[in-house]
């Protein structure tokens, strides 16, 4: 019962956010966008036979977390990395 009670508490806490997509058309009802953003990591991991170190996996994840939003904002990957390293936010559009 502990797991059910925990689930109940979590749902009760976030329930007002669960169906926002029904009233706001700008919000996707699925996480397909997120799944598509993660997809390039799978072939990379398979081709390279996995990550050899924890820092390598983290570095790849950090770089992807900059490049993917930049791509969606029509900003080049190298520009996005430079902007991020300078401590600036990515532009909304290029």
PDB file of N, CA and C in Angstrom:
ATOM      1  N   UNK A   1       0.797  -1.195   0.000  1.00  0.00           N
ATOM      2  CA  UNK A   1       0.000   0.000   0.000  1.00  0.00           C
ATOM      3  C   UNK A   1       0.846   1.267   0.000  1.00  0.00           C
ATOM      4  N   UNK A   2       2.073   1.172   0.454  1.00  0.00           N
ATOM      5  CA  UNK A   2       2.934   2.353   0.528  1.00  0.00           C
ATOM      6  C   UNK A   2       3.168   2.951  -0.856  1.00  0.00           C
ATOM      7  N   UNK A   3       3.386   2.086  -1.853  1.00  0.00           N
ATOM      8  CA  UNK A   3       3.603   2.576  -3.215  1.00  0.00           C
ATOM      9  C   UNK A   3       2.349   3.262  -3.751  1.00  0.00           C
ATOM     10  N   UNK A   4       1.185   2.707  -3.467  1.00  0.00           N
ATOM     11  CA  UNK A   4      -0.072   3.320  -3.895  1.00  0.00           C
ATOM     12  C   UNK A   4      -0.305   4.660  -3.232  1.00  0.00           C
ATOM     13  N   UNK A   5       0.029   4.756  -1.968  1.00  0.00           N
ATOM     14  CA  UNK A   5      -0.125   6.026  -1.251  1.00  0.00           C
ATOM     15  C   UNK A   5       0.833   7.075  -1.798  1.00  0.00           C
ATOM     16  N   UNK A   6       2.049   6.636  -2.115  1.00  0.00           N
ATOM     17  CA  UNK A   6       3.028   7.569  -2.689  1.00  0.00           C
ATOM     18  C   UNK A   6       2.539   8.071  -4.049  1.00  0.00           C
ATOM     19  N   UNK A   7       2.042   7.155  -4.888  1.00  0.00           N
ATOM     20  CA  UNK A   7       1.501   7.537  -6.190  1.00  0.00           C
ATOM     21  C   UNK A   7       0.344   8.515  -6.021  1.00  0.00           C
ATOM     22  N   UNK A   8      -0.524   8.258  -5.083  1.00  0.00           N
ATOM     23  CA  UNK A   8      -1.660   9.142  -4.824  1.00  0.00           C
ATOM     24  C   UNK A   8      -1.180  10.545  -4.455  1.00  0.00           C
ATOM     25  N   UNK A   9      -0.171  10.641  -3.605  1.00  0.00           N
ATOM     26  CA  UNK A   9       0.367  11.952  -3.211  1.00  0.00           C
ATOM     27  C   UNK A   9       0.956  12.693  -4.408  1.00  0.00           C
ATOM     28  N   UNK A  10       1.699  11.965  -5.248  1.00  0.00           N
ATOM     29  CA  UNK A  10       2.320  12.589  -6.420  1.00  0.00           C
ATOM     30  C   UNK A  10       1.254  13.087  -7.386  1.00  0.00           C
ATOM     31  N   UNK A  11       0.266  12.247  -7.689  1.00  0.00           N
ATOM     32  CA  UNK A  11      -0.801  12.638  -8.616  1.00  0.00           C
ATOM     33  C   UNK A  11      -1.578  13.819  -8.061  1.00  0.00           C
ATOM     34  N   UNK A  12      -1.862  13.801  -6.786  1.00  0.00           N
ATOM     35  CA  UNK A  12      -2.594  14.904  -6.160  1.00  0.00           C
ATOM     36  C   UNK A  12      -1.808  16.211  -6.284  1.00  0.00           C
ATOM     37  N   UNK A  13      -0.493  16.109  -6.166  1.00  0.00           N
ATOM     38  CA  UNK A  13       0.368  17.291  -6.233  1.00  0.00           C
ATOM     39  C   UNK A  13       0.431  17.880  -7.649  1.00  0.00           C
ATOM     40  N   UNK A  14       0.434  17.023  -8.678  1.00  0.00           N
ATOM     41  CA  UNK A  14       0.626  17.505 -10.051  1.00  0.00           C
ATOM     42  C   UNK A  14      -0.627  17.463 -10.916  1.00  0.00           C
ATOM     43  N   UNK A  15      -1.759  17.078 -10.358  1.00  0.00           N
ATOM     44  CA  UNK A  15      -2.945  16.835 -11.188  1.00  0.00           C
ATOM     45  C   UNK A  15      -3.394  18.041 -11.996  1.00  0.00           C
ATOM     46  N   UNK A  16      -3.193  19.247 -11.501  1.00  0.00           N
ATOM     47  CA  UNK A  16      -3.628  20.418 -12.278  1.00  0.00           C
ATOM     48  C   UNK A  16      -2.778  20.631 -13.530  1.00  0.00           C
ATOM     49  N   UNK A  17      -1.626  19.956 -13.597  1.00  0.00           N
ATOM     50  CA  UNK A  17      -0.747  20.076 -14.762  1.00  0.00           C
ATOM     51  C   UNK A  17      -0.887  18.896 -15.730  1.00  0.00           C
ATOM     52  N   UNK A  18      -1.634  17.884 -15.362  1.00  0.00           N
ATOM     53  CA  UNK A  18      -1.666  16.649 -16.148  1.00  0.00           C
ATOM     54  C   UNK A  18      -2.386  16.776 -17.491  1.00  0.00           C
ATOM     55  N   UNK A  19      -3.389  17.604 -17.596  1.00  0.00           N
ATOM     56  CA  UNK A  19      -4.159  17.692 -18.837  1.00  0.00           C
ATOM     57  C   UNK A  19      -4.170  19.101 -19.419  1.00  0.00           C
ATOM     58  N   UNK A  20      -3.123  19.850 -19.176  1.00  0.00           N
ATOM     59  CA  UNK A  20      -3.018  21.212 -19.705  1.00  0.00           C
ATOM     60  C   UNK A  20      -3.065  21.200 -21.230  1.00  0.00           C
ATOM     61  N   UNK A  21      -2.535  20.144 -21.850  1.00  0.00           N
ATOM     62  CA  UNK A  21      -2.533  20.058 -23.311  1.00  0.00           C
ATOM     63  C   UNK A  21      -3.942  20.108 -23.899  1.00  0.00           C
ATOM     64  N   UNK A  22      -4.961  19.794 -23.110  1.00  0.00           N
ATOM     65  CA  UNK A  22      -6.336  19.810 -23.620  1.00  0.00           C
ATOM     66  C   UNK A  22      -6.867  21.232 -23.785  1.00  0.00           C
ATOM     67  N   UNK A  23      -6.340  22.161 -23.015  1.00  0.00           N
ATOM     68  CA  UNK A  23      -6.800  23.548 -23.112  1.00  0.00           C
ATOM     69  C   UNK A  23      -5.778  24.455 -23.785  1.00  0.00           C
ATOM     70  N   UNK A  24      -4.547  23.982 -23.935  1.00  0.00           N
ATOM     71  CA  UNK A  24      -3.501  24.779 -24.567  1.00  0.00           C
ATOM     72  C   UNK A  24      -2.940  23.985 -25.742  1.00  0.00           C
ATOM     73  N   UNK A  25      -3.327  24.365 -26.950  1.00  0.00           N
ATOM     74  CA  UNK A  25      -2.932  23.627 -28.157  1.00  0.00           C
ATOM     75  C   UNK A  25      -1.429  23.694 -28.426  1.00  0.00           C
ATOM     76  N   UNK A  26      -0.724  24.642 -27.822  1.00  0.00           N
ATOM     77  CA  UNK A  26       0.718  24.764 -28.030  1.00  0.00           C
ATOM     78  C   UNK A  26       1.493  23.656 -27.319  1.00  0.00           C
ATOM     79  N   UNK A  27       0.854  22.962 -26.401  1.00  0.00           N
ATOM     80  CA  UNK A  27       1.507  21.899 -25.639  1.00  0.00           C
ATOM     81  C   UNK A  27       1.146  20.552 -26.251  1.00  0.00           C
ATOM     82  N   UNK A  28       2.183  19.772 -26.601  1.00  0.00           N
ATOM     83  CA  UNK A  28       1.947  18.452 -27.189  1.00  0.00           C
ATOM     84  C   UNK A  28       1.421  17.482 -26.134  1.00  0.00           C
ATOM     85  N   UNK A  29       0.488  16.618 -26.512  1.00  0.00           N
ATOM     86  CA  UNK A  29      -0.048  15.656 -25.545  1.00  0.00           C
ATOM     87  C   UNK A  29       0.874  14.460 -25.295  1.00  0.00           C
ATOM     88  N   UNK A  30       1.924  14.321 -26.100  1.00  0.00           N
ATOM     89  CA  UNK A  30       2.848  13.193 -25.930  1.00  0.00           C
ATOM     90  C   UNK A  30       4.258  13.713 -25.711  1.00  0.00           C
ATOM     91  N   UNK A  31       5.161  12.816 -25.404  1.00  0.00           N
ATOM     92  CA  UNK A  31       6.562  13.190 -25.272  1.00  0.00           C
ATOM     93  C   UNK A  31       7.347  12.795 -26.523  1.00  0.00           C
ATOM     94  N   UNK A  32       6.672  12.688 -27.663  1.00  0.00           N
ATOM     95  CA  UNK A  32       7.334  12.271 -28.894  1.00  0.00           C
ATOM     96  C   UNK A  32       8.493  13.185 -29.268  1.00  0.00           C
ATOM     97  N   UNK A  33       8.353  14.481 -29.035  1.00  0.00           N
ATOM     98  CA  UNK A  33       9.448  15.409 -29.319  1.00  0.00           C
ATOM     99  C   UNK A  33      10.681  15.071 -28.505  1.00  0.00           C
ATOM    100  N   UNK A  34      10.472  14.752 -27.257  1.00  0.00           N
ATOM    101  CA  UNK A  34      11.589  14.366 -26.387  1.00  0.00           C
ATOM    102  C   UNK A  34      12.208  13.055 -26.852  1.00  0.00           C
ATOM    103  N   UNK A  35      11.373  12.118 -27.232  1.00  0.00           N
ATOM    104  CA  UNK A  35      11.880  10.833 -27.718  1.00  0.00           C
ATOM    105  C   UNK A  35      12.700  11.026 -28.993  1.00  0.00           C
ATOM    106  N   UNK A  36      12.226  11.870 -29.905  1.00  0.00           N
ATOM    107  CA  UNK A  36      12.969  12.133 -31.137  1.00  0.00           C
ATOM    108  C   UNK A  36      14.293  12.817 -30.838  1.00  0.00           C
ATOM    109  N   UNK A  37      14.311  13.692 -29.842  1.00  0.00           N
ATOM    110  CA  UNK A  37      15.547  14.387 -29.476  1.00  0.00           C
ATOM    111  C   UNK A  37      16.586  13.411 -28.928  1.00  0.00           C
ATOM    112  N   UNK A  38      16.140  12.368 -28.241  1.00  0.00           N
ATOM    113  CA  UNK A  38      17.061  11.382 -27.672  1.00  0.00           C
ATOM    114  C   UNK A  38      17.543  10.361 -28.698  1.00  0.00           C
ATOM    115  N   UNK A  39      16.814  10.206 -29.774  1.00  0.00           N
ATOM    116  CA  UNK A  39      17.086   9.139 -30.737  1.00  0.00           C
ATOM    117  C   UNK A  39      18.517   9.123 -31.273  1.00  0.00           C
ATOM    118  N   UNK A  40      19.153  10.261 -31.606  1.00  0.00           N
ATOM    119  CA  UNK A  40      20.523  10.197 -32.138  1.00  0.00           C
ATOM    120  C   UNK A  40      21.529   9.559 -31.184  1.00  0.00           C
ATOM    121  N   UNK A  41      21.245   9.543 -29.904  1.00  0.00           N
ATOM    122  CA  UNK A  41      22.176   8.957 -28.938  1.00  0.00           C
ATOM    123  C   UNK A  41      22.272   7.444 -29.085  1.00  0.00           C
ATOM    124  N   UNK A  42      21.209   6.805 -29.540  1.00  0.00           N
ATOM    125  CA  UNK A  42      21.204   5.338 -29.623  1.00  0.00           C
ATOM    126  C   UNK A  42      22.186   4.827 -30.683  1.00  0.00           C
ATOM    127  N   UNK A  43      22.115   5.295 -31.943  1.00  0.00           N
ATOM    128  CA  UNK A  43      23.103   4.816 -32.925  1.00  0.00           C
ATOM    129  C   UNK A  43      24.534   5.194 -32.528  1.00  0.00           C
ATOM    130  N   UNK A  44      24.711   6.387 -31.956  1.00  0.00           N
ATOM    131  CA  UNK A  44      26.048   6.801 -31.518  1.00  0.00           C
ATOM    132  C   UNK A  44      26.591   5.805 -30.499  1.00  0.00           C
ATOM    133  N   UNK A  45      25.773   5.458 -29.526  1.00  0.00           N
ATOM    134  CA  UNK A  45      26.192   4.518 -28.481  1.00  0.00           C
ATOM    135  C   UNK A  45      26.495   3.142 -29.080  1.00  0.00           C
ATOM    136  N   UNK A  46      25.681   2.711 -30.050  1.00  0.00           N
ATOM    137  CA  UNK A  46      25.893   1.393 -30.653  1.00  0.00           C
ATOM    138  C   UNK A  46      27.148   1.369 -31.528  1.00  0.00           C
ATOM    139  N   UNK A  47      27.355   2.428 -32.308  1.00  0.00           N
ATOM    140  CA  UNK A  47      28.516   2.493 -33.201  1.00  0.00           C
ATOM    141  C   UNK A  47      29.814   2.542 -32.401  1.00  0.00           C
ATOM    142  N   UNK A  48      29.821   3.290 -31.315  1.00  0.00           N
ATOM    143  CA  UNK A  48      31.038   3.448 -30.516  1.00  0.00           C
ATOM    144  C   UNK A  48      31.180   2.368 -29.451  1.00  0.00           C
ATOM    145  N   UNK A  49      30.255   1.415 -29.437  1.00  0.00           N
ATOM    146  CA  UNK A  49      30.268   0.328 -28.450  1.00  0.00           C
ATOM    147  C   UNK A  49      30.116   0.869 -27.031  1.00  0.00           C
ATOM    148  N   UNK A  50      29.278   1.862 -26.891  1.00  0.00           N
ATOM    149  CA  UNK A  50      29.016   2.427 -25.563  1.00  0.00           C
ATOM    150  C   UNK A  50      30.041   3.469 -25.177  1.00  0.00           C
ATOM    151  N   UNK A  51      29.807   4.087 -24.067  1.00  0.00           N
ATOM    152  CA  UNK A  51      30.736   5.089 -23.574  1.00  0.00           C
ATOM    153  C   UNK A  51      31.777   4.401 -22.707  1.00  0.00           C
ATOM    154  N   UNK A  52      33.023   4.766 -22.887  1.00  0.00           N
ATOM    155  CA  UNK A  52      34.122   4.117 -22.169  1.00  0.00           C
ATOM    156  C   UNK A  52      34.282   4.648 -20.751  1.00  0.00           C
ATOM    157  N   UNK A  53      33.733   5.829 -20.497  1.00  0.00           N
ATOM    158  CA  UNK A  53      33.893   6.416 -19.164  1.00  0.00           C
ATOM    159  C   UNK A  53      32.647   7.208 -18.797  1.00  0.00           C
ATOM    160  N   UNK A  54      32.497   7.445 -17.517  1.00  0.00           N
ATOM    161  CA  UNK A  54      31.367   8.237 -17.027  1.00  0.00           C
ATOM    162  C   UNK A  54      31.456   9.668 -17.542  1.00  0.00           C
ATOM    163  N   UNK A  55      32.665  10.248 -17.543  1.00  0.00           N
ATOM    164  CA  UNK A  55      32.800  11.633 -18.001  1.00  0.00           C
ATOM    165  C   UNK A  55      32.489  11.741 -19.488  1.00  0.00           C
ATOM    166  N   UNK A  56      32.811  10.710 -20.270  1.00  0.00           N
ATOM    167  CA  UNK A  56      32.491  10.731 -21.696  1.00  0.00           C
ATOM    168  C   UNK A  56      30.989  10.720 -21.936  1.00  0.00           C
ATOM    169  N   UNK A  57      30.282   9.924 -21.171  1.00  0.00           N
ATOM    170  CA  UNK A  57      28.821   9.877 -21.284  1.00  0.00           C
ATOM    171  C   UNK A  57      28.210  11.211 -20.879  1.00  0.00           C
ATOM    172  N   UNK A  58      28.729  11.798 -19.803  1.00  0.00           N
ATOM    173  CA  UNK A  58      28.208  13.105 -19.350  1.00  0.00           C
ATOM    174  C   UNK A  58      28.504  14.196 -20.366  1.00  0.00           C
ATOM    175  N   UNK A  59      29.727  14.178 -20.929  1.00  0.00           N
ATOM    176  CA  UNK A  59      30.092  15.177 -21.932  1.00  0.00           C
ATOM    177  C   UNK A  59      29.169  15.079 -23.143  1.00  0.00           C
ATOM    178  N   UNK A  60      28.924  13.861 -23.612  1.00  0.00           N
ATOM    179  CA  UNK A  60      28.027  13.668 -24.750  1.00  0.00           C
ATOM    180  C   UNK A  60      26.627  14.192 -24.427  1.00  0.00           C
ATOM    181  N   UNK A  61      26.129  13.875 -23.242  1.00  0.00           N
ATOM    182  CA  UNK A  61      24.793  14.340 -22.835  1.00  0.00           C
ATOM    183  C   UNK A  61      24.752  15.860 -22.740  1.00  0.00           C
ATOM    184  N   UNK A  62      25.803  16.460 -22.194  1.00  0.00           N
ATOM    185  CA  UNK A  62      25.848  17.922 -22.084  1.00  0.00           C
ATOM    186  C   UNK A  62      25.856  18.582 -23.461  1.00  0.00           C
ATOM    187  N   UNK A  63      26.661  18.046 -24.364  1.00  0.00           N
ATOM    188  CA  UNK A  63      26.733  18.614 -25.714  1.00  0.00           C
ATOM    189  C   UNK A  63      25.392  18.467 -26.426  1.00  0.00           C
ATOM    190  N   UNK A  64      24.772  17.296 -26.325  1.00  0.00           N
ATOM    191  CA  UNK A  64      23.462  17.094 -26.959  1.00  0.00           C
ATOM    192  C   UNK A  64      22.414  18.028 -26.373  1.00  0.00           C
ATOM    193  N   UNK A  65      22.511  18.315 -25.071  1.00  0.00           N
ATOM    194  CA  UNK A  65      21.519  19.190 -24.441  1.00  0.00           C
ATOM    195  C   UNK A  65      21.661  20.633 -24.911  1.00  0.00           C
ATOM    196  N   UNK A  66      22.788  20.976 -25.505  1.00  0.00           N
ATOM    197  CA  UNK A  66      22.975  22.306 -26.087  1.00  0.00           C
ATOM    198  C   UNK A  66      22.616  22.280 -27.571  1.00  0.00           C
ATOM    199  N   UNK A  67      23.081  21.270 -28.273  1.00  0.00           N
ATOM    200  CA  UNK A  67      22.913  21.213 -29.730  1.00  0.00           C
ATOM    201  C   UNK A  67      21.460  21.000 -30.147  1.00  0.00           C
ATOM    202  N   UNK A  68      20.743  20.134 -29.466  1.00  0.00           N
ATOM    203  CA  UNK A  68      19.363  19.830 -29.878  1.00  0.00           C
ATOM    204  C   UNK A  68      18.442  21.046 -29.777  1.00  0.00           C
ATOM    205  N   UNK A  69      18.414  21.775 -28.655  1.00  0.00           N
ATOM    206  CA  UNK A  69      17.571  22.981 -28.618  1.00  0.00           C
ATOM    207  C   UNK A  69      18.029  24.023 -29.643  1.00  0.00           C
ATOM    208  N   UNK A  70      19.340  24.103 -29.867  1.00  0.00           N
ATOM    209  CA  UNK A  70      19.852  25.051 -30.858  1.00  0.00           C
ATOM    210  C   UNK A  70      19.345  24.699 -32.251  1.00  0.00           C
ATOM    211  N   UNK A  71      19.341  23.418 -32.568  1.00  0.00           N
ATOM    212  CA  UNK A  71      18.850  22.979 -33.884  1.00  0.00           C
ATOM    213  C   UNK A  71      17.398  23.389 -34.076  1.00  0.00           C
ATOM    214  N   UNK A  72      16.596  23.211 -33.020  1.00  0.00           N
ATOM    215  CA  UNK A  72      15.182  23.581 -33.109  1.00  0.00           C
ATOM    216  C   UNK A  72      14.999  25.088 -33.240  1.00  0.00           C
ATOM    217  N   UNK A  73      15.993  25.835 -32.823  1.00  0.00           N
ATOM    218  CA  UNK A  73      15.924  27.300 -32.928  1.00  0.00           C
ATOM    219  C   UNK A  73      16.701  27.816 -34.129  1.00  0.00           C
ATOM    220  N   UNK A  74      17.087  26.929 -35.029  1.00  0.00           N
ATOM    221  CA  UNK A  74      17.826  27.268 -36.246  1.00  0.00           C
ATOM    222  C   UNK A  74      19.150  27.953 -35.932  1.00  0.00           C
ATOM    223  N   UNK A  75      19.820  27.495 -34.901  1.00  0.00           N
ATOM    224  CA  UNK A  75      21.126  28.015 -34.503  1.00  0.00           C
ATOM    225  C   UNK A  75      22.137  26.898 -34.738  1.00  0.00           C
ATOM    226  N   UNK A  76      23.280  27.233 -35.335  1.00  0.00           N
ATOM    227  CA  UNK A  76      24.298  26.223 -35.604  1.00  0.00           C
ATOM    228  C   UNK A  76      24.880  25.630 -34.329  1.00  0.00           C
ATOM    229  N   UNK A  77      25.346  24.393 -34.430  1.00  0.00           N
ATOM    230  CA  UNK A  77      25.872  23.686 -33.259  1.00  0.00           C
ATOM    231  C   UNK A  77      27.078  24.398 -32.663  1.00  0.00           C
ATOM    232  N   UNK A  78      28.027  24.789 -33.503  1.00  0.00           N
ATOM    233  CA  UNK A  78      29.228  25.457 -32.997  1.00  0.00           C
ATOM    234  C   UNK A  78      28.887  26.801 -32.362  1.00  0.00           C
ATOM    235  N   UNK A  79      27.989  27.550 -32.999  1.00  0.00           N
ATOM    236  CA  UNK A  79      27.547  28.821 -32.414  1.00  0.00           C
ATOM    237  C   UNK A  79      26.876  28.590 -31.067  1.00  0.00           C
ATOM    238  N   UNK A  80      26.056  27.569 -30.982  1.00  0.00           N
ATOM    239  CA  UNK A  80      25.353  27.268 -29.732  1.00  0.00           C
ATOM    240  C   UNK A  80      26.335  26.928 -28.618  1.00  0.00           C
ATOM    241  N   UNK A  81      27.366  26.154 -28.943  1.00  0.00           N
ATOM    242  CA  UNK A  81      28.371  25.804 -27.934  1.00  0.00           C
ATOM    243  C   UNK A  81      29.120  27.051 -27.484  1.00  0.00           C
ATOM    244  N   UNK A  82      29.500  27.908 -28.442  1.00  0.00           N
ATOM    245  CA  UNK A  82      30.198  29.159 -28.084  1.00  0.00           C
ATOM    246  C   UNK A  82      29.324  30.038 -27.189  1.00  0.00           C
ATOM    247  N   UNK A  83      28.062  30.192 -27.550  1.00  0.00           N
ATOM    248  CA  UNK A  83      27.133  31.018 -26.769  1.00  0.00           C
ATOM    249  C   UNK A  83      26.988  30.454 -25.362  1.00  0.00           C
ATOM    250  N   UNK A  84      26.841  29.142 -25.268  1.00  0.00           N
ATOM    251  CA  UNK A  84      26.670  28.497 -23.963  1.00  0.00           C
ATOM    252  C   UNK A  84      27.921  28.642 -23.108  1.00  0.00           C
ATOM    253  N   UNK A  85      29.096  28.445 -23.702  1.00  0.00           N
ATOM    254  CA  UNK A  85      30.345  28.590 -22.945  1.00  0.00           C
ATOM    255  C   UNK A  85      30.564  30.028 -22.488  1.00  0.00           C
ATOM    256  N   UNK A  86      29.990  30.988 -23.223  1.00  0.00           N
ATOM    257  CA  UNK A  86      30.080  32.398 -22.823  1.00  0.00           C
ATOM    258  C   UNK A  86      29.074  32.731 -21.726  1.00  0.00           C
ATOM    259  N   UNK A  87      28.240  31.758 -21.359  1.00  0.00           N
ATOM    260  CA  UNK A  87      27.264  31.973 -20.292  1.00  0.00           C
ATOM    261  C   UNK A  87      26.022  32.723 -20.728  1.00  0.00           C
ATOM    262  N   UNK A  88      25.779  32.749 -22.038  1.00  0.00           N
ATOM    263  CA  UNK A  88      24.626  33.461 -22.576  1.00  0.00           C
ATOM    264  C   UNK A  88      23.525  32.464 -22.946  1.00  0.00           C
ATOM    265  N   UNK A  89      22.268  32.900 -22.920  1.00  0.00           N
ATOM    266  CA  UNK A  89      21.181  32.019 -23.367  1.00  0.00           C
ATOM    267  C   UNK A  89      21.161  31.936 -24.892  1.00  0.00           C
ATOM    268  N   UNK A  90      20.678  30.828 -25.398  1.00  0.00           N
ATOM    269  CA  UNK A  90      20.541  30.689 -26.844  1.00  0.00           C
ATOM    270  C   UNK A  90      19.480  31.657 -27.344  1.00  0.00           C
ATOM    271  N   UNK A  91      19.683  32.226 -28.543  1.00  0.00           N
ATOM    272  CA  UNK A  91      18.643  33.096 -29.097  1.00  0.00           C
ATOM    273  C   UNK A  91      17.397  32.279 -29.424  1.00  0.00           C
ATOM    274  N   UNK A  92      16.250  32.923 -29.380  1.00  0.00           N
ATOM    275  CA  UNK A  92      15.010  32.216 -29.709  1.00  0.00           C
ATOM    276  C   UNK A  92      14.998  31.795 -31.163  1.00  0.00           C
ATOM    277  N   UNK A  93      15.526  32.643 -32.051  1.00  0.00           N
ATOM    278  CA  UNK A  93      15.681  32.305 -33.466  1.00  0.00           C
ATOM    279  C   UNK A  93      16.963  32.948 -33.954  1.00  0.00           C
ATOM    280  N   UNK A  94      17.537  32.360 -35.007  1.00  0.00           N
ATOM    281  CA  UNK A  94      18.771  32.928 -35.562  1.00  0.00           C
ATOM    282  C   UNK A  94      18.463  34.022 -36.546  1.00  0.00           C
TER     283      UNK A  94
END
